[in-house]
Amino acid sequence: MKKDKTFCDLSKEYIAKHLDEIITLIDKPKFICRKCARVANESTHLCKPVKLKNK
């Protein structure tokens, strides 16, 4: 994934072309974005990350 981009910044075309890579970045989410509710394994992929609480 582009290092200077968050999931919020990605175009639909980029997502379609890189879906397999993106799936590996969200398969065990630990963070959620307060802006768009996307999830990710690492906070760096989100623009306004909040750590998910463990159950």
PDB file of N, CA and C in Angstrom:
ATOM      1  N   MET A   1       0.848  -1.180   0.000  1.00  0.00           N
ATOM      2  CA  MET A   1       0.000   0.000   0.000  1.00  0.00           C
ATOM      3  C   MET A   1       0.889   1.238   0.000  1.00  0.00           C
ATOM      4  N   LYS A   2       0.373   2.311  -0.542  1.00  0.00           N
ATOM      5  CA  LYS A   2       1.118   3.565  -0.560  1.00  0.00           C
ATOM      6  C   LYS A   2       1.400   4.002   0.868  1.00  0.00           C
ATOM      7  N   LYS A   3       2.666   4.268   1.179  1.00  0.00           N
ATOM      8  CA  LYS A   3       3.056   4.555   2.561  1.00  0.00           C
ATOM      9  C   LYS A   3       2.512   5.866   3.094  1.00  0.00           C
ATOM     10  N   ASP A   4       2.269   6.838   2.248  1.00  0.00           N
ATOM     11  CA  ASP A   4       1.792   8.135   2.719  1.00  0.00           C
ATOM     12  C   ASP A   4       0.274   8.268   2.665  1.00  0.00           C
ATOM     13  N   LYS A   5      -0.417   7.170   2.373  1.00  0.00           N
ATOM     14  CA  LYS A   5      -1.875   7.185   2.249  1.00  0.00           C
ATOM     15  C   LYS A   5      -2.523   6.349   3.350  1.00  0.00           C
ATOM     16  N   THR A   6      -3.706   6.773   3.761  1.00  0.00           N
ATOM     17  CA  THR A   6      -4.513   5.964   4.673  1.00  0.00           C
ATOM     18  C   THR A   6      -5.611   5.313   3.852  1.00  0.00           C
ATOM     19  N   PHE A   7      -6.340   4.383   4.439  1.00  0.00           N
ATOM     20  CA  PHE A   7      -7.440   3.741   3.720  1.00  0.00           C
ATOM     21  C   PHE A   7      -8.456   4.769   3.237  1.00  0.00           C
ATOM     22  N   CYS A   8      -8.651   5.824   4.001  1.00  0.00           N
ATOM     23  CA  CYS A   8      -9.606   6.872   3.624  1.00  0.00           C
ATOM     24  C   CYS A   8      -9.227   7.555   2.310  1.00  0.00           C
ATOM     25  N   ASP A   9      -7.930   7.599   2.016  1.00  0.00           N
ATOM     26  CA  ASP A   9      -7.429   8.305   0.835  1.00  0.00           C
ATOM     27  C   ASP A   9      -7.393   7.459  -0.435  1.00  0.00           C
ATOM     28  N   LEU A  10      -7.614   6.171  -0.328  1.00  0.00           N
ATOM     29  CA  LEU A  10      -7.465   5.291  -1.486  1.00  0.00           C
ATOM     30  C   LEU A  10      -8.670   5.376  -2.419  1.00  0.00           C
ATOM     31  N   SER A  11      -8.394   5.356  -3.695  1.00  0.00           N
ATOM     32  CA  SER A  11      -9.469   5.378  -4.688  1.00  0.00           C
ATOM     33  C   SER A  11     -10.061   3.981  -4.852  1.00  0.00           C
ATOM     34  N   LYS A  12     -11.236   3.916  -5.403  1.00  0.00           N
ATOM     35  CA  LYS A  12     -11.884   2.624  -5.651  1.00  0.00           C
ATOM     36  C   LYS A  12     -11.047   1.781  -6.600  1.00  0.00           C
ATOM     37  N   GLU A  13     -10.419   2.424  -7.571  1.00  0.00           N
ATOM     38  CA  GLU A  13      -9.587   1.712  -8.536  1.00  0.00           C
ATOM     39  C   GLU A  13      -8.362   1.093  -7.861  1.00  0.00           C
ATOM     40  N   TYR A  14      -7.727   1.863  -6.961  1.00  0.00           N
ATOM     41  CA  TYR A  14      -6.562   1.348  -6.240  1.00  0.00           C
ATOM     42  C   TYR A  14      -6.969   0.162  -5.370  1.00  0.00           C
ATOM     43  N   ILE A  15      -8.082   0.286  -4.686  1.00  0.00           N
ATOM     44  CA  ILE A  15      -8.566  -0.793  -3.827  1.00  0.00           C
ATOM     45  C   ILE A  15      -8.819  -2.051  -4.648  1.00  0.00           C
ATOM     46  N   ALA A  16      -9.457  -1.908  -5.791  1.00  0.00           N
ATOM     47  CA  ALA A  16      -9.750  -3.059  -6.642  1.00  0.00           C
ATOM     48  C   ALA A  16      -8.474  -3.753  -7.115  1.00  0.00           C
ATOM     49  N   LYS A  17      -7.451  -2.978  -7.462  1.00  0.00           N
ATOM     50  CA  LYS A  17      -6.200  -3.549  -7.964  1.00  0.00           C
ATOM     51  C   LYS A  17      -5.346  -4.173  -6.868  1.00  0.00           C
ATOM     52  N   HIS A  18      -5.497  -3.719  -5.626  1.00  0.00           N
ATOM     53  CA  HIS A  18      -4.640  -4.167  -4.532  1.00  0.00           C
ATOM     54  C   HIS A  18      -5.420  -4.849  -3.407  1.00  0.00           C
ATOM     55  N   LEU A  19      -6.534  -5.431  -3.723  1.00  0.00           N
ATOM     56  CA  LEU A  19      -7.418  -6.000  -2.715  1.00  0.00           C
ATOM     57  C   LEU A  19      -6.736  -7.080  -1.864  1.00  0.00           C
ATOM     58  N   ASP A  20      -5.976  -7.967  -2.478  1.00  0.00           N
ATOM     59  CA  ASP A  20      -5.305  -9.023  -1.714  1.00  0.00           C
ATOM     60  C   ASP A  20      -4.353  -8.443  -0.668  1.00  0.00           C
ATOM     61  N   GLU A  21      -3.610  -7.410  -1.039  1.00  0.00           N
ATOM     62  CA  GLU A  21      -2.689  -6.756  -0.107  1.00  0.00           C
ATOM     63  C   GLU A  21      -3.462  -6.077   1.024  1.00  0.00           C
ATOM     64  N   ILE A  22      -4.537  -5.406   0.690  1.00  0.00           N
ATOM     65  CA  ILE A  22      -5.343  -4.703   1.690  1.00  0.00           C
ATOM     66  C   ILE A  22      -5.955  -5.686   2.681  1.00  0.00           C
ATOM     67  N   ILE A  23      -6.404  -6.821   2.201  1.00  0.00           N
ATOM     68  CA  ILE A  23      -6.998  -7.831   3.080  1.00  0.00           C
ATOM     69  C   ILE A  23      -6.009  -8.260   4.164  1.00  0.00           C
ATOM     70  N   THR A  24      -4.746  -8.379   3.823  1.00  0.00           N
ATOM     71  CA  THR A  24      -3.752  -8.761   4.838  1.00  0.00           C
ATOM     72  C   THR A  24      -3.546  -7.649   5.869  1.00  0.00           C
ATOM     73  N   LEU A  25      -3.879  -6.413   5.528  1.00  0.00           N
ATOM     74  CA  LEU A  25      -3.721  -5.284   6.452  1.00  0.00           C
ATOM     75  C   LEU A  25      -4.926  -5.089   7.366  1.00  0.00           C
ATOM     76  N   ILE A  26      -6.000  -5.848   7.095  1.00  0.00           N
ATOM     77  CA  ILE A  26      -7.216  -5.697   7.910  1.00  0.00           C
ATOM     78  C   ILE A  26      -7.714  -7.020   8.489  1.00  0.00           C
ATOM     79  N   ASP A  27      -6.968  -8.100   8.299  1.00  0.00           N
ATOM     80  CA  ASP A  27      -7.467  -9.421   8.703  1.00  0.00           C
ATOM     81  C   ASP A  27      -7.559  -9.625  10.214  1.00  0.00           C
ATOM     82  N   LYS A  28      -6.796  -8.872  10.992  1.00  0.00           N
ATOM     83  CA  LYS A  28      -6.854  -8.954  12.465  1.00  0.00           C
ATOM     84  C   LYS A  28      -6.917  -7.523  13.012  1.00  0.00           C
ATOM     85  N   PRO A  29      -8.045  -6.865  12.831  1.00  0.00           N
ATOM     86  CA  PRO A  29      -8.121  -5.438  13.172  1.00  0.00           C
ATOM     87  C   PRO A  29      -7.919  -5.152  14.655  1.00  0.00           C
ATOM     88  N   LYS A  30      -7.113  -4.129  14.918  1.00  0.00           N
ATOM     89  CA  LYS A  30      -6.871  -3.665  16.283  1.00  0.00           C
ATOM     90  C   LYS A  30      -7.287  -2.204  16.442  1.00  0.00           C
ATOM     91  N   PHE A  31      -7.563  -1.538  15.294  1.00  0.00           N
ATOM     92  CA  PHE A  31      -7.911  -0.123  15.313  1.00  0.00           C
ATOM     93  C   PHE A  31      -9.112   0.141  14.419  1.00  0.00           C
ATOM     94  N   ILE A  32      -9.876   1.170  14.766  1.00  0.00           N
ATOM     95  CA  ILE A  32     -11.003   1.625  13.962  1.00  0.00           C
ATOM     96  C   ILE A  32     -10.838   3.128  13.744  1.00  0.00           C
ATOM     97  N   CYS A  33     -11.257   3.624  12.597  1.00  0.00           N
ATOM     98  CA  CYS A  33     -11.151   5.047  12.276  1.00  0.00           C
ATOM     99  C   CYS A  33     -12.403   5.778  12.781  1.00  0.00           C
ATOM    100  N   ARG A  34     -12.178   6.852  13.527  1.00  0.00           N
ATOM    101  CA  ARG A  34     -13.303   7.657  14.023  1.00  0.00           C
ATOM    102  C   ARG A  34     -14.000   8.409  12.894  1.00  0.00           C
ATOM    103  N   LYS A  35     -13.327   8.621  11.773  1.00  0.00           N
ATOM    104  CA  LYS A  35     -13.884   9.380  10.655  1.00  0.00           C
ATOM    105  C   LYS A  35     -14.785   8.517   9.761  1.00  0.00           C
ATOM    106  N   CYS A  36     -14.314   7.329   9.400  1.00  0.00           N
ATOM    107  CA  CYS A  36     -15.035   6.544   8.390  1.00  0.00           C
ATOM    108  C   CYS A  36     -15.410   5.138   8.846  1.00  0.00           C
ATOM    109  N   ALA A  37     -15.001   4.745  10.043  1.00  0.00           N
ATOM    110  CA  ALA A  37     -15.308   3.430  10.623  1.00  0.00           C
ATOM    111  C   ALA A  37     -14.609   2.269   9.919  1.00  0.00           C
ATOM    112  N   ARG A  38     -13.575   2.547   9.133  1.00  0.00           N
ATOM    113  CA  ARG A  38     -12.768   1.464   8.573  1.00  0.00           C
ATOM    114  C   ARG A  38     -11.915   0.875   9.689  1.00  0.00           C
ATOM    115  N   VAL A  39     -11.482  -0.375   9.523  1.00  0.00           N
ATOM    116  CA  VAL A  39     -10.644  -1.029  10.519  1.00  0.00           C
ATOM    117  C   VAL A  39      -9.308  -1.422   9.894  1.00  0.00           C
ATOM    118  N   ALA A  40      -8.297  -1.621  10.756  1.00  0.00           N
ATOM    119  CA  ALA A  40      -6.971  -2.013  10.285  1.00  0.00           C
ATOM    120  C   ALA A  40      -6.194  -2.676  11.408  1.00  0.00           C
ATOM    121  N   ASN A  41      -5.176  -3.441  11.020  1.00  0.00           N
ATOM    122  CA  ASN A  41      -4.302  -4.085  11.993  1.00  0.00           C
ATOM    123  C   ASN A  41      -3.392  -3.062  12.670  1.00  0.00           C
ATOM    124  N   GLU A  42      -2.973  -2.028  11.941  1.00  0.00           N
ATOM    125  CA  GLU A  42      -2.056  -1.009  12.440  1.00  0.00           C
ATOM    126  C   GLU A  42      -2.703   0.369  12.335  1.00  0.00           C
ATOM    127  N   SER A  43      -2.417   1.229  13.270  1.00  0.00           N
ATOM    128  CA  SER A  43      -3.022   2.562  13.300  1.00  0.00           C
ATOM    129  C   SER A  43      -2.565   3.446  12.140  1.00  0.00           C
ATOM    130  N   THR A  44      -1.403   3.170  11.577  1.00  0.00           N
ATOM    131  CA  THR A  44      -0.860   4.013  10.511  1.00  0.00           C
ATOM    132  C   THR A  44      -1.697   3.983   9.233  1.00  0.00           C
ATOM    133  N   HIS A  45      -2.577   3.015   9.090  1.00  0.00           N
ATOM    134  CA  HIS A  45      -3.398   2.896   7.892  1.00  0.00           C
ATOM    135  C   HIS A  45      -4.704   3.683   7.990  1.00  0.00           C
ATOM    136  N   LEU A  46      -4.945   4.312   9.129  1.00  0.00           N
ATOM    137  CA  LEU A  46      -6.192   5.046   9.354  1.00  0.00           C
ATOM    138  C   LEU A  46      -5.899   6.508   9.653  1.00  0.00           C
ATOM    139  N   CYS A  47      -6.824   7.408   9.290  1.00  0.00           N
ATOM    140  CA  CYS A  47      -6.570   8.839   9.497  1.00  0.00           C
ATOM    141  C   CYS A  47      -6.869   9.280  10.934  1.00  0.00           C
ATOM    142  N   LYS A  48      -7.845   8.670  11.597  1.00  0.00           N
ATOM    143  CA  LYS A  48      -8.176   9.011  12.986  1.00  0.00           C
ATOM    144  C   LYS A  48      -8.380   7.721  13.784  1.00  0.00           C
ATOM    145  N   PRO A  49      -7.275   6.997  14.021  1.00  0.00           N
ATOM    146  CA  PRO A  49      -7.382   5.676  14.655  1.00  0.00           C
ATOM    147  C   PRO A  49      -7.714   5.719  16.134  1.00  0.00           C
ATOM    148  N   VAL A  50      -8.496   4.721  16.547  1.00  0.00           N
ATOM    149  CA  VAL A  50      -8.811   4.491  17.956  1.00  0.00           C
ATOM    150  C   VAL A  50      -8.625   3.002  18.192  1.00  0.00           C
ATOM    151  N   LYS A  51      -7.930   2.648  19.258  1.00  0.00           N
ATOM    152  CA  LYS A  51      -7.678   1.241  19.550  1.00  0.00           C
ATOM    153  C   LYS A  51      -8.985   0.553  19.937  1.00  0.00           C
ATOM    154  N   LEU A  52      -9.236  -0.610  19.337  1.00  0.00           N
ATOM    155  CA  LEU A  52     -10.394  -1.410  19.685  1.00  0.00           C
ATOM    156  C   LEU A  52     -10.180  -2.042  21.052  1.00  0.00           C
ATOM    157  N   LYS A  53     -11.214  -2.122  21.815  1.00  0.00           N
ATOM    158  CA  LYS A  53     -11.114  -2.754  23.132  1.00  0.00           C
ATOM    159  C   LYS A  53     -11.121  -4.267  22.961  1.00  0.00           C
ATOM    160  N   ASN A  54     -10.306  -4.957  23.760  1.00  0.00           N
ATOM    161  CA  ASN A  54     -10.280  -6.423  23.747  1.00  0.00           C
ATOM    162  C   ASN A  54     -11.468  -6.950  24.511  1.00  0.00           C
ATOM    163  N   LYS A  55     -12.019  -8.043  24.032  1.00  0.00           N
ATOM    164  CA  LYS A  55     -13.153  -8.651  24.711  1.00  0.00           C
ATOM    165  C   LYS A  55     -12.687  -9.651  25.714  1.00  0.00           C
TER     166      LYS A  55
END
